[in-house]
Amino acid sequence: MNFHRGRGREEPEINLIPLIDVLLVVIIFLMLTTTYARFSGLEINLPTADAAERAEVPNEIEVAVSATGQVAVNQQPLQNTEVRFISEALTRAAQGRADPLIIISADAKATHQSVVDVMQAAQAAGYPRISFMTQTQSH
């Protein structure tokens, strides 16, 4: 007996709709789980200084930067922390001395921008000699 007699020969079909759905889900998953970083992260261990106490130099200006970004020049807090105001304070603190050493003492949690602002202010005031105060590591 021929059971297929009345039926025409049907071409097998591949249903693409479920395949497209699965591929879209995979693409969305990959987009969500992939991290697009412009900069790779670096683990930085800052150096500590084991040097002896530094000698007091009369031709230096100490600039302190707090964790909140407040700036003090020779222990005199500044009301405005813009570069031009810091530069003016450095010029006043130099009192006409030639080429003073600017010592920046920044809190460990101070923003990088606030330290860079102090460096720009020193450059604007014409004081290229800059040093950073470190904390000695206790054993």
N, C-alpha and C. Protein backbone atom coordinates (compact mmCIF):
# COMPACT_ATOMS: atom_id res chain seq x y z
N MET A 1 0.81 -1.17 0.00
CA MET A 1 0.00 0.00 0.00
C MET A 1 0.86 1.26 0.00
N ASN A 2 0.35 2.18 -0.75
CA ASN A 2 1.08 3.43 -0.86
C ASN A 2 0.30 4.50 -0.11
N PHE A 3 0.74 4.83 1.09
CA PHE A 3 0.04 5.82 1.91
C PHE A 3 0.36 7.24 1.48
N HIS A 4 1.39 7.43 0.76
CA HIS A 4 1.81 8.77 0.37
C HIS A 4 1.27 9.14 -1.00
N ARG A 5 0.34 8.47 -1.47
CA ARG A 5 -0.15 8.63 -2.83
C ARG A 5 -0.81 9.98 -3.09
N GLY A 6 -1.64 10.45 -2.24
CA GLY A 6 -2.36 11.69 -2.46
C GLY A 6 -1.55 12.92 -2.05
N ARG A 7 -0.56 12.73 -1.32
CA ARG A 7 0.23 13.86 -0.85
C ARG A 7 1.31 14.19 -1.87
N GLY A 8 1.51 15.46 -2.04
CA GLY A 8 2.62 15.88 -2.87
C GLY A 8 3.90 15.90 -2.04
N ARG A 9 4.95 15.91 -2.68
CA ARG A 9 6.21 15.90 -1.96
C ARG A 9 6.49 17.30 -1.40
N GLU A 10 6.56 17.45 -0.08
CA GLU A 10 6.82 18.74 0.57
C GLU A 10 8.31 18.90 0.81
N GLU A 11 8.79 20.09 0.53
CA GLU A 11 10.20 20.39 0.79
C GLU A 11 10.38 20.67 2.29
N PRO A 12 11.40 20.10 2.89
CA PRO A 12 11.63 20.40 4.32
C PRO A 12 12.05 21.87 4.50
N GLU A 13 11.53 22.50 5.54
CA GLU A 13 11.84 23.90 5.83
C GLU A 13 12.59 24.01 7.14
N ILE A 14 13.45 24.98 7.20
CA ILE A 14 14.13 25.31 8.46
C ILE A 14 13.50 26.60 8.96
N ASN A 15 12.95 26.54 10.14
CA ASN A 15 12.32 27.71 10.71
C ASN A 15 13.41 28.60 11.32
N LEU A 16 13.63 29.79 10.76
CA LEU A 16 14.71 30.68 11.18
C LEU A 16 14.34 31.58 12.36
N ILE A 17 13.12 31.72 12.68
CA ILE A 17 12.68 32.62 13.76
C ILE A 17 13.28 32.22 15.10
N PRO A 18 13.19 30.94 15.53
CA PRO A 18 13.82 30.59 16.81
C PRO A 18 15.34 30.76 16.77
N LEU A 19 15.98 30.52 15.64
CA LEU A 19 17.43 30.70 15.52
C LEU A 19 17.80 32.17 15.70
N ILE A 20 17.04 33.06 15.10
CA ILE A 20 17.30 34.49 15.24
C ILE A 20 17.09 34.92 16.69
N ASP A 21 16.04 34.42 17.34
CA ASP A 21 15.79 34.74 18.74
C ASP A 21 16.96 34.32 19.63
N VAL A 22 17.45 33.12 19.42
CA VAL A 22 18.57 32.62 20.23
C VAL A 22 19.82 33.46 19.98
N LEU A 23 20.11 33.79 18.73
CA LEU A 23 21.28 34.61 18.42
C LEU A 23 21.18 36.00 19.03
N LEU A 24 20.01 36.61 19.02
CA LEU A 24 19.84 37.91 19.64
C LEU A 24 20.08 37.86 21.16
N VAL A 25 19.58 36.79 21.79
CA VAL A 25 19.80 36.63 23.23
C VAL A 25 21.30 36.47 23.52
N VAL A 26 22.01 35.72 22.71
CA VAL A 26 23.46 35.54 22.90
C VAL A 26 24.19 36.86 22.70
N ILE A 27 23.81 37.63 21.69
CA ILE A 27 24.46 38.93 21.45
C ILE A 27 24.20 39.89 22.61
N ILE A 28 22.98 39.92 23.10
CA ILE A 28 22.67 40.79 24.24
C ILE A 28 23.45 40.35 25.47
N PHE A 29 23.55 39.06 25.70
CA PHE A 29 24.32 38.56 26.84
C PHE A 29 25.79 38.99 26.72
N LEU A 30 26.36 38.85 25.55
CA LEU A 30 27.76 39.23 25.35
C LEU A 30 27.97 40.73 25.53
N MET A 31 27.02 41.52 25.07
CA MET A 31 27.14 42.97 25.22
C MET A 31 27.07 43.39 26.68
N LEU A 32 26.24 42.72 27.44
CA LEU A 32 26.09 43.09 28.86
C LEU A 32 27.26 42.61 29.71
N THR A 33 27.86 41.49 29.36
CA THR A 33 28.92 40.94 30.20
C THR A 33 30.31 41.39 29.79
N THR A 34 30.45 41.97 28.63
CA THR A 34 31.76 42.43 28.19
C THR A 34 32.01 43.82 28.74
N THR A 35 33.20 44.03 29.27
CA THR A 35 33.56 45.35 29.77
C THR A 35 34.35 46.07 28.70
N TYR A 36 33.97 47.28 28.46
CA TYR A 36 34.66 48.12 27.50
C TYR A 36 35.41 49.19 28.28
N ALA A 37 36.67 48.95 28.54
CA ALA A 37 37.47 49.89 29.30
C ALA A 37 38.47 50.56 28.36
N ARG A 38 38.56 51.86 28.46
CA ARG A 38 39.52 52.60 27.65
C ARG A 38 40.92 52.48 28.24
N PHE A 39 40.98 52.42 29.55
CA PHE A 39 42.27 52.33 30.22
C PHE A 39 42.30 51.05 31.03
N SER A 40 43.40 50.38 30.97
CA SER A 40 43.51 49.19 31.80
C SER A 40 43.89 49.64 33.22
N GLY A 41 43.40 48.92 34.19
CA GLY A 41 43.68 49.28 35.57
C GLY A 41 45.09 48.88 35.97
N LEU A 42 45.74 49.76 36.69
CA LEU A 42 47.09 49.49 37.18
C LEU A 42 47.06 49.49 38.69
N GLU A 43 47.72 48.53 39.26
CA GLU A 43 47.86 48.52 40.71
C GLU A 43 49.15 49.24 41.04
N ILE A 44 49.03 50.34 41.76
CA ILE A 44 50.20 51.16 42.05
C ILE A 44 50.48 51.11 43.53
N ASN A 45 51.70 50.78 43.87
CA ASN A 45 52.15 50.85 45.25
C ASN A 45 53.10 52.03 45.36
N LEU A 46 52.64 53.07 46.04
CA LEU A 46 53.45 54.26 46.17
C LEU A 46 54.63 54.02 47.10
N PRO A 47 55.76 54.64 46.80
CA PRO A 47 56.94 54.42 47.64
C PRO A 47 56.82 55.14 48.97
N THR A 48 57.51 54.61 49.94
CA THR A 48 57.61 55.26 51.24
C THR A 48 59.06 55.69 51.42
N ALA A 49 59.26 56.69 52.22
CA ALA A 49 60.61 57.22 52.42
C ALA A 49 61.12 56.76 53.78
N ASP A 50 62.31 56.21 53.78
CA ASP A 50 62.96 55.81 55.02
C ASP A 50 64.09 56.77 55.37
N ALA A 51 64.05 57.96 54.82
CA ALA A 51 65.11 58.94 55.05
C ALA A 51 64.98 59.53 56.45
N ALA A 52 66.06 60.10 56.90
CA ALA A 52 66.06 60.76 58.20
C ALA A 52 65.26 62.05 58.10
N GLU A 53 65.03 62.69 59.22
CA GLU A 53 64.30 63.95 59.23
C GLU A 53 65.00 64.95 58.34
N ARG A 54 64.20 65.71 57.60
CA ARG A 54 64.79 66.69 56.70
C ARG A 54 65.18 67.94 57.47
N ALA A 55 66.26 68.54 57.00
CA ALA A 55 66.72 69.77 57.64
C ALA A 55 65.79 70.91 57.25
N GLU A 56 65.57 71.83 58.15
CA GLU A 56 64.70 72.95 57.89
C GLU A 56 65.41 73.94 56.97
N VAL A 57 64.79 74.24 55.86
CA VAL A 57 65.37 75.17 54.89
C VAL A 57 64.56 76.46 54.96
N PRO A 58 65.21 77.61 55.14
CA PRO A 58 64.45 78.85 55.30
C PRO A 58 63.77 79.31 54.00
N ASN A 59 64.19 78.80 52.85
CA ASN A 59 63.64 79.25 51.58
C ASN A 59 62.64 78.24 51.03
N GLU A 60 61.71 77.82 51.88
CA GLU A 60 60.69 76.88 51.42
C GLU A 60 59.31 77.33 51.85
N ILE A 61 58.34 76.93 51.03
CA ILE A 61 56.93 77.25 51.31
C ILE A 61 56.19 75.93 51.37
N GLU A 62 55.51 75.69 52.47
CA GLU A 62 54.77 74.44 52.62
C GLU A 62 53.31 74.65 52.24
N VAL A 63 52.83 73.79 51.35
CA VAL A 63 51.44 73.85 50.90
C VAL A 63 50.77 72.54 51.32
N ALA A 64 49.73 72.65 52.12
CA ALA A 64 49.00 71.46 52.59
C ALA A 64 47.69 71.35 51.83
N VAL A 65 47.38 70.11 51.39
CA VAL A 65 46.12 69.84 50.69
C VAL A 65 45.38 68.78 51.51
N SER A 66 44.17 69.13 51.95
CA SER A 66 43.40 68.21 52.78
C SER A 66 42.65 67.21 51.91
N ALA A 67 42.04 66.23 52.56
CA ALA A 67 41.27 65.20 51.85
C ALA A 67 40.06 65.80 51.14
N THR A 68 39.55 66.91 51.65
CA THR A 68 38.38 67.56 51.04
C THR A 68 38.77 68.57 49.97
N GLY A 69 40.08 68.76 49.74
CA GLY A 69 40.54 69.68 48.70
C GLY A 69 40.87 71.06 49.20
N GLN A 70 40.79 71.30 50.50
CA GLN A 70 41.16 72.60 51.05
C GLN A 70 42.67 72.77 50.98
N VAL A 71 43.12 74.00 50.72
CA VAL A 71 44.54 74.28 50.55
C VAL A 71 44.97 75.29 51.61
N ALA A 72 46.14 75.04 52.21
CA ALA A 72 46.72 75.98 53.17
C ALA A 72 48.17 76.23 52.76
N VAL A 73 48.54 77.50 52.69
CA VAL A 73 49.91 77.89 52.35
C VAL A 73 50.57 78.37 53.64
N ASN A 74 51.64 77.71 54.04
CA ASN A 74 52.33 78.00 55.31
C ASN A 74 51.33 78.06 56.46
N GLN A 75 50.47 77.10 56.52
CA GLN A 75 49.46 76.91 57.57
C GLN A 75 48.39 78.00 57.60
N GLN A 76 48.27 78.76 56.52
CA GLN A 76 47.22 79.76 56.38
C GLN A 76 46.20 79.24 55.38
N PRO A 77 45.00 78.83 55.83
CA PRO A 77 44.01 78.27 54.90
C PRO A 77 43.54 79.31 53.89
N LEU A 78 43.32 78.84 52.66
CA LEU A 78 42.81 79.71 51.60
C LEU A 78 41.31 79.52 51.47
N GLN A 79 40.61 80.61 51.23
CA GLN A 79 39.16 80.53 51.07
C GLN A 79 38.79 79.98 49.70
N ASN A 80 39.60 80.32 48.68
CA ASN A 80 39.32 79.90 47.32
C ASN A 80 40.47 79.02 46.84
N THR A 81 40.15 77.88 46.25
CA THR A 81 41.19 76.94 45.84
C THR A 81 41.42 76.94 44.33
N GLU A 82 41.06 78.03 43.66
CA GLU A 82 41.36 78.15 42.24
C GLU A 82 42.86 78.40 42.06
N VAL A 83 43.36 78.05 40.89
CA VAL A 83 44.80 78.11 40.62
C VAL A 83 45.33 79.52 40.82
N ARG A 84 44.61 80.54 40.35
CA ARG A 84 45.15 81.91 40.46
C ARG A 84 45.22 82.38 41.91
N PHE A 85 44.29 81.95 42.75
CA PHE A 85 44.34 82.35 44.15
C PHE A 85 45.48 81.64 44.89
N ILE A 86 45.70 80.38 44.55
CA ILE A 86 46.82 79.65 45.15
C ILE A 86 48.13 80.29 44.71
N SER A 87 48.22 80.68 43.44
CA SER A 87 49.42 81.32 42.91
C SER A 87 49.71 82.63 43.64
N GLU A 88 48.66 83.43 43.86
CA GLU A 88 48.82 84.69 44.59
C GLU A 88 49.29 84.44 46.02
N ALA A 89 48.74 83.42 46.66
CA ALA A 89 49.14 83.09 48.04
C ALA A 89 50.60 82.64 48.08
N LEU A 90 51.03 81.89 47.07
CA LEU A 90 52.44 81.47 47.01
C LEU A 90 53.36 82.68 46.84
N THR A 91 52.95 83.62 46.01
CA THR A 91 53.76 84.83 45.80
C THR A 91 53.86 85.64 47.09
N ARG A 92 52.74 85.76 47.82
CA ARG A 92 52.77 86.47 49.11
C ARG A 92 53.65 85.74 50.11
N ALA A 93 53.58 84.41 50.13
CA ALA A 93 54.37 83.63 51.10
C ALA A 93 55.86 83.69 50.78
N ALA A 94 56.23 83.88 49.52
CA ALA A 94 57.65 83.94 49.15
C ALA A 94 58.29 85.23 49.64
N GLN A 95 57.53 86.28 49.79
CA GLN A 95 58.00 87.57 50.29
C GLN A 95 59.26 88.04 49.57
N GLY A 96 59.28 87.88 48.26
CA GLY A 96 60.40 88.38 47.46
C GLY A 96 61.62 87.48 47.44
N ARG A 97 61.58 86.36 48.14
CA ARG A 97 62.73 85.45 48.11
C ARG A 97 62.86 84.85 46.72
N ALA A 98 64.07 84.63 46.29
CA ALA A 98 64.32 84.09 44.96
C ALA A 98 64.24 82.57 44.98
N ASP A 99 63.48 82.02 44.07
CA ASP A 99 63.40 80.58 43.82
C ASP A 99 63.15 79.74 45.08
N PRO A 100 62.01 79.97 45.76
CA PRO A 100 61.73 79.14 46.94
C PRO A 100 61.34 77.71 46.53
N LEU A 101 61.54 76.79 47.45
CA LEU A 101 61.16 75.39 47.25
C LEU A 101 59.72 75.23 47.74
N ILE A 102 58.84 74.74 46.87
CA ILE A 102 57.45 74.51 47.23
C ILE A 102 57.32 73.06 47.67
N ILE A 103 56.93 72.85 48.92
CA ILE A 103 56.77 71.50 49.46
C ILE A 103 55.27 71.22 49.59
N ILE A 104 54.80 70.25 48.81
CA ILE A 104 53.39 69.89 48.82
C ILE A 104 53.18 68.72 49.78
N SER A 105 52.33 68.93 50.75
CA SER A 105 51.99 67.90 51.72
C SER A 105 50.51 67.60 51.54
N ALA A 106 50.22 66.56 50.76
CA ALA A 106 48.83 66.23 50.43
C ALA A 106 48.36 65.03 51.24
N ASP A 107 47.12 65.09 51.66
CA ASP A 107 46.49 63.97 52.33
C ASP A 107 46.41 62.79 51.36
N ALA A 108 46.47 61.58 51.90
CA ALA A 108 46.43 60.38 51.05
C ALA A 108 45.13 60.29 50.28
N LYS A 109 44.05 60.88 50.79
CA LYS A 109 42.76 60.81 50.13
C LYS A 109 42.43 62.08 49.36
N ALA A 110 43.39 62.98 49.22
CA ALA A 110 43.17 64.20 48.44
C ALA A 110 43.06 63.83 46.97
N THR A 111 42.25 64.58 46.25
CA THR A 111 42.08 64.29 44.83
C THR A 111 43.34 64.67 44.06
N HIS A 112 43.55 63.97 43.00
CA HIS A 112 44.71 64.24 42.14
C HIS A 112 44.61 65.65 41.56
N GLN A 113 43.41 66.08 41.24
CA GLN A 113 43.21 67.39 40.64
C GLN A 113 43.63 68.50 41.59
N SER A 114 43.36 68.38 42.88
CA SER A 114 43.74 69.43 43.81
C SER A 114 45.26 69.55 43.93
N VAL A 115 45.98 68.43 43.83
CA VAL A 115 47.45 68.46 43.86
C VAL A 115 47.98 69.08 42.57
N VAL A 116 47.37 68.73 41.45
CA VAL A 116 47.78 69.29 40.16
C VAL A 116 47.51 70.80 40.14
N ASP A 117 46.43 71.24 40.76
CA ASP A 117 46.14 72.68 40.83
C ASP A 117 47.26 73.42 41.58
N VAL A 118 47.75 72.83 42.67
CA VAL A 118 48.84 73.44 43.42
C VAL A 118 50.10 73.49 42.56
N MET A 119 50.37 72.44 41.82
CA MET A 119 51.54 72.42 40.94
C MET A 119 51.42 73.47 39.84
N GLN A 120 50.22 73.63 39.27
CA GLN A 120 50.00 74.67 38.25
C GLN A 120 50.17 76.06 38.85
N ALA A 121 49.70 76.25 40.07
CA ALA A 121 49.83 77.54 40.72
C ALA A 121 51.30 77.88 40.96
N ALA A 122 52.09 76.89 41.36
CA ALA A 122 53.52 77.13 41.56
C ALA A 122 54.20 77.49 40.25
N GLN A 123 53.81 76.84 39.19
CA GLN A 123 54.38 77.14 37.87
C GLN A 123 53.97 78.55 37.44
N ALA A 124 52.70 78.90 37.67
CA ALA A 124 52.22 80.23 37.28
C ALA A 124 52.92 81.32 38.08
N ALA A 125 53.27 81.03 39.33
CA ALA A 125 53.96 82.01 40.16
C ALA A 125 55.45 82.08 39.83
N GLY A 126 55.94 81.16 39.01
CA GLY A 126 57.35 81.18 38.62
C GLY A 126 58.25 80.42 39.57
N TYR A 127 57.69 79.42 40.26
CA TYR A 127 58.47 78.62 41.20
C TYR A 127 58.55 77.18 40.69
N PRO A 128 59.59 76.84 39.94
CA PRO A 128 59.66 75.50 39.34
C PRO A 128 60.10 74.40 40.30
N ARG A 129 60.69 74.78 41.43
CA ARG A 129 61.17 73.75 42.36
C ARG A 129 60.03 73.29 43.25
N ILE A 130 59.62 72.01 43.05
CA ILE A 130 58.50 71.44 43.81
C ILE A 130 58.96 70.12 44.40
N SER A 131 58.58 69.90 45.64
CA SER A 131 58.89 68.64 46.32
C SER A 131 57.62 68.15 47.01
N PHE A 132 57.58 66.86 47.28
CA PHE A 132 56.44 66.28 47.97
C PHE A 132 56.88 65.73 49.31
N MET A 133 56.10 66.01 50.35
CA MET A 133 56.39 65.50 51.68
C MET A 133 55.82 64.10 51.79
N THR A 134 56.61 63.17 52.32
CA THR A 134 56.15 61.81 52.54
C THR A 134 56.14 61.50 54.02
N GLN A 135 55.51 60.41 54.33
CA GLN A 135 55.44 59.95 55.71
C GLN A 135 56.38 58.76 55.85
N THR A 136 57.17 58.76 56.91
CA THR A 136 58.06 57.63 57.10
C THR A 136 57.26 56.42 57.54
N GLN A 137 57.69 55.26 57.07
CA GLN A 137 56.99 54.03 57.39
C GLN A 137 57.50 53.53 58.74
N SER A 138 56.57 53.28 59.66
CA SER A 138 56.97 52.77 60.97
C SER A 138 57.15 51.26 60.90
N HIS A 139 58.15 50.77 61.55
CA HIS A 139 58.46 49.34 61.48
C HIS A 139 57.75 48.62 62.58
